[in-house]
Amino acid sequence: MRVHATFRVKDGLDVPCMLIAYYFYDDEDSTPLKTDEPKYRTKTVPYILTLIFTPAYDPAIYKDLQLFMPYSAPKHGKR
């Protein structure tokens, strides 16, 4: 799965930044998707994908910054 993001960073020249995607089920409670795979979770966030980037301009305009999550990434459903 590929996530496409369009955004602008102001006052971020040469400052490391992070784009974060959280994953939820499309259910009544917006239940978070969970995994046991450490690469795709933190202690407090059950399913996450991150991308670190450093803007080279101020402001920096990103028209299609992409995050990629392989479909084969381990998923363990609702808990």
N, C-alpha and C. Protein backbone atom coordinates (compact mmCIF):
# COMPACT_ATOMS: atom_id res chain seq x y z
N MET A 1 0.84 -1.16 0.00
CA MET A 1 0.00 0.00 0.00
C MET A 1 0.89 1.23 0.00
N ARG A 2 0.56 2.17 -0.83
CA ARG A 2 1.33 3.41 -0.92
C ARG A 2 0.46 4.58 -0.46
N VAL A 3 0.98 5.37 0.46
CA VAL A 3 0.30 6.57 0.96
C VAL A 3 0.96 7.77 0.31
N HIS A 4 0.15 8.64 -0.31
CA HIS A 4 0.65 9.84 -0.97
C HIS A 4 0.28 11.04 -0.12
N ALA A 5 1.24 11.92 0.16
CA ALA A 5 0.99 13.10 0.98
C ALA A 5 1.39 14.37 0.24
N THR A 6 0.55 15.39 0.36
CA THR A 6 0.83 16.70 -0.20
C THR A 6 0.77 17.70 0.95
N PHE A 7 1.85 18.45 1.15
CA PHE A 7 1.89 19.40 2.27
C PHE A 7 3.03 20.40 2.08
N ARG A 8 3.08 21.40 2.95
CA ARG A 8 4.10 22.45 2.93
C ARG A 8 4.73 22.52 4.33
N VAL A 9 6.06 22.68 4.37
CA VAL A 9 6.78 22.85 5.63
C VAL A 9 7.37 24.26 5.63
N LYS A 10 6.97 25.07 6.64
CA LYS A 10 7.50 26.42 6.79
C LYS A 10 8.52 26.42 7.92
N ASP A 11 9.58 27.20 7.75
CA ASP A 11 10.64 27.34 8.77
C ASP A 11 11.29 26.00 9.11
N GLY A 12 11.43 25.12 8.12
CA GLY A 12 12.00 23.80 8.36
C GLY A 12 13.28 23.53 7.60
N LEU A 13 13.91 24.57 7.07
CA LEU A 13 15.13 24.38 6.29
C LEU A 13 16.18 23.62 7.08
N ASP A 14 16.65 22.50 6.54
CA ASP A 14 17.68 21.65 7.14
C ASP A 14 17.30 21.08 8.50
N VAL A 15 16.01 21.02 8.80
CA VAL A 15 15.53 20.45 10.06
C VAL A 15 14.94 19.07 9.77
N PRO A 16 15.47 18.00 10.38
CA PRO A 16 14.88 16.68 10.16
C PRO A 16 13.41 16.66 10.59
N CYS A 17 12.55 16.13 9.71
CA CYS A 17 11.12 16.05 9.96
C CYS A 17 10.67 14.60 9.77
N MET A 18 9.46 14.31 10.24
CA MET A 18 8.94 12.96 10.10
C MET A 18 7.49 13.00 9.62
N LEU A 19 7.20 12.23 8.58
CA LEU A 19 5.85 12.02 8.11
C LEU A 19 5.38 10.70 8.72
N ILE A 20 4.20 10.72 9.32
CA ILE A 20 3.70 9.55 10.05
C ILE A 20 2.32 9.17 9.53
N ALA A 21 2.10 7.88 9.29
CA ALA A 21 0.78 7.36 8.92
C ALA A 21 0.34 6.37 9.99
N TYR A 22 -0.86 6.56 10.49
CA TYR A 22 -1.48 5.64 11.45
C TYR A 22 -2.54 4.85 10.70
N TYR A 23 -2.76 3.61 11.06
CA TYR A 23 -3.70 2.74 10.34
C TYR A 23 -4.85 2.35 11.26
N PHE A 24 -6.08 2.51 10.73
CA PHE A 24 -7.29 2.19 11.47
C PHE A 24 -8.25 1.42 10.56
N TYR A 25 -9.08 0.59 11.17
CA TYR A 25 -10.15 -0.07 10.44
C TYR A 25 -11.23 0.95 10.15
N ASP A 26 -11.96 0.76 9.06
CA ASP A 26 -13.08 1.62 8.71
C ASP A 26 -14.34 1.03 9.35
N ASP A 27 -14.35 1.01 10.68
CA ASP A 27 -15.50 0.49 11.41
C ASP A 27 -16.09 1.60 12.27
N GLU A 28 -17.13 1.27 12.99
CA GLU A 28 -17.84 2.26 13.80
C GLU A 28 -16.95 2.92 14.84
N ASP A 29 -15.97 2.19 15.37
CA ASP A 29 -15.10 2.71 16.43
C ASP A 29 -13.74 3.19 15.93
N SER A 30 -13.50 3.12 14.62
CA SER A 30 -12.17 3.44 14.07
C SER A 30 -11.09 2.69 14.85
N THR A 31 -11.25 1.40 14.95
CA THR A 31 -10.33 0.53 15.70
C THR A 31 -8.95 0.55 15.06
N PRO A 32 -7.90 0.78 15.87
CA PRO A 32 -6.54 0.76 15.31
C PRO A 32 -6.15 -0.63 14.82
N LEU A 33 -5.51 -0.69 13.67
CA LEU A 33 -4.93 -1.93 13.18
C LEU A 33 -3.71 -2.22 14.05
N LYS A 34 -3.49 -3.47 14.40
CA LYS A 34 -2.39 -3.83 15.30
C LYS A 34 -1.47 -4.86 14.67
N THR A 35 -0.21 -4.85 15.12
CA THR A 35 0.78 -5.82 14.65
C THR A 35 1.76 -6.12 15.77
N ASP A 36 2.40 -7.26 15.70
CA ASP A 36 3.47 -7.61 16.63
C ASP A 36 4.83 -7.31 16.03
N GLU A 37 4.87 -6.86 14.78
CA GLU A 37 6.12 -6.57 14.08
C GLU A 37 6.68 -5.23 14.57
N PRO A 38 7.83 -5.23 15.28
CA PRO A 38 8.39 -4.00 15.84
C PRO A 38 8.67 -2.90 14.81
N LYS A 39 8.95 -3.28 13.58
CA LYS A 39 9.25 -2.29 12.54
C LYS A 39 8.05 -1.39 12.26
N TYR A 40 6.84 -1.86 12.54
CA TYR A 40 5.63 -1.12 12.21
C TYR A 40 4.79 -0.74 13.43
N ARG A 41 5.42 -0.59 14.59
CA ARG A 41 4.68 -0.17 15.78
C ARG A 41 5.62 0.50 16.77
N THR A 42 5.03 1.17 17.75
CA THR A 42 5.77 1.73 18.87
C THR A 42 5.12 1.20 20.14
N LYS A 43 5.62 1.62 21.30
CA LYS A 43 5.01 1.17 22.56
C LYS A 43 3.58 1.67 22.71
N THR A 44 3.30 2.84 22.15
CA THR A 44 1.97 3.43 22.33
C THR A 44 1.12 3.42 21.06
N VAL A 45 1.73 3.19 19.91
CA VAL A 45 0.99 3.20 18.64
C VAL A 45 1.02 1.80 18.05
N PRO A 46 -0.17 1.18 17.85
CA PRO A 46 -0.22 -0.22 17.43
C PRO A 46 0.19 -0.49 15.99
N TYR A 47 0.03 0.46 15.07
CA TYR A 47 0.41 0.21 13.67
C TYR A 47 0.76 1.56 13.07
N ILE A 48 2.00 1.71 12.62
CA ILE A 48 2.49 3.01 12.21
C ILE A 48 3.51 2.85 11.08
N LEU A 49 3.59 3.85 10.24
CA LEU A 49 4.59 3.89 9.18
C LEU A 49 5.18 5.29 9.20
N THR A 50 6.50 5.40 9.15
CA THR A 50 7.15 6.70 9.23
C THR A 50 8.15 6.89 8.10
N LEU A 51 8.40 8.15 7.79
CA LEU A 51 9.40 8.52 6.80
C LEU A 51 10.09 9.78 7.30
N ILE A 52 11.40 9.73 7.46
CA ILE A 52 12.17 10.89 7.89
C ILE A 52 12.68 11.61 6.65
N PHE A 53 12.53 12.93 6.64
CA PHE A 53 12.99 13.74 5.52
C PHE A 53 13.50 15.08 6.06
N THR A 54 14.34 15.75 5.30
CA THR A 54 14.89 17.04 5.69
C THR A 54 14.65 18.04 4.56
N PRO A 55 13.81 19.05 4.80
CA PRO A 55 13.54 20.04 3.77
C PRO A 55 14.80 20.79 3.34
N ALA A 56 14.95 20.96 2.03
CA ALA A 56 16.10 21.67 1.47
C ALA A 56 15.74 23.10 1.08
N TYR A 57 14.49 23.50 1.29
CA TYR A 57 14.02 24.84 0.94
C TYR A 57 13.14 25.36 2.06
N ASP A 58 12.90 26.67 2.07
CA ASP A 58 11.98 27.26 3.03
C ASP A 58 11.14 28.31 2.32
N PRO A 59 9.86 28.09 2.16
CA PRO A 59 9.14 26.88 2.56
C PRO A 59 9.42 25.72 1.59
N ALA A 60 9.23 24.52 2.06
CA ALA A 60 9.38 23.32 1.23
C ALA A 60 7.99 22.80 0.89
N ILE A 61 7.75 22.60 -0.39
CA ILE A 61 6.44 22.12 -0.84
C ILE A 61 6.60 20.69 -1.36
N TYR A 62 5.85 19.80 -0.76
CA TYR A 62 5.87 18.39 -1.17
C TYR A 62 4.54 18.09 -1.84
N LYS A 63 4.59 17.75 -3.12
CA LYS A 63 3.37 17.47 -3.88
C LYS A 63 3.02 15.99 -3.91
N ASP A 64 3.98 15.12 -3.60
CA ASP A 64 3.70 13.68 -3.63
C ASP A 64 4.78 12.91 -2.86
N LEU A 65 4.91 13.20 -1.57
CA LEU A 65 5.84 12.43 -0.74
C LEU A 65 5.13 11.11 -0.41
N GLN A 66 5.84 9.99 -0.57
CA GLN A 66 5.18 8.69 -0.47
C GLN A 66 5.74 7.83 0.66
N LEU A 67 4.83 7.16 1.32
CA LEU A 67 5.15 6.12 2.31
C LEU A 67 4.71 4.79 1.70
N PHE A 68 5.47 3.73 1.94
CA PHE A 68 5.11 2.44 1.37
C PHE A 68 5.03 1.39 2.47
N MET A 69 3.91 0.67 2.49
CA MET A 69 3.71 -0.45 3.41
C MET A 69 3.44 -1.68 2.55
N PRO A 70 4.34 -2.68 2.60
CA PRO A 70 4.10 -3.88 1.79
C PRO A 70 2.86 -4.63 2.30
N TYR A 71 2.08 -5.15 1.37
CA TYR A 71 0.90 -5.94 1.76
C TYR A 71 1.30 -7.15 2.60
N SER A 72 2.53 -7.59 2.44
CA SER A 72 2.99 -8.74 3.20
C SER A 72 3.38 -8.40 4.63
N ALA A 73 3.34 -7.13 5.01
CA ALA A 73 3.68 -6.74 6.38
C ALA A 73 2.74 -7.45 7.35
N PRO A 74 3.27 -8.00 8.41
CA PRO A 74 2.45 -8.78 9.34
C PRO A 74 1.33 -7.96 9.97
N LYS A 75 0.14 -8.49 9.92
CA LYS A 75 -1.01 -7.85 10.55
C LYS A 75 -1.68 -8.88 11.45
N HIS A 76 -2.18 -8.43 12.56
CA HIS A 76 -2.81 -9.37 13.49
C HIS A 76 -4.20 -8.95 13.88
N GLY A 77 -4.84 -8.13 13.06
CA GLY A 77 -6.25 -7.81 13.27
C GLY A 77 -6.54 -7.04 14.53
N LYS A 78 -7.81 -7.03 14.89
CA LYS A 78 -8.29 -6.28 16.06
C LYS A 78 -7.93 -7.03 17.32
N ARG A 79 -7.57 -6.25 18.34
CA ARG A 79 -7.27 -6.85 19.65
C ARG A 79 -7.98 -6.11 20.73
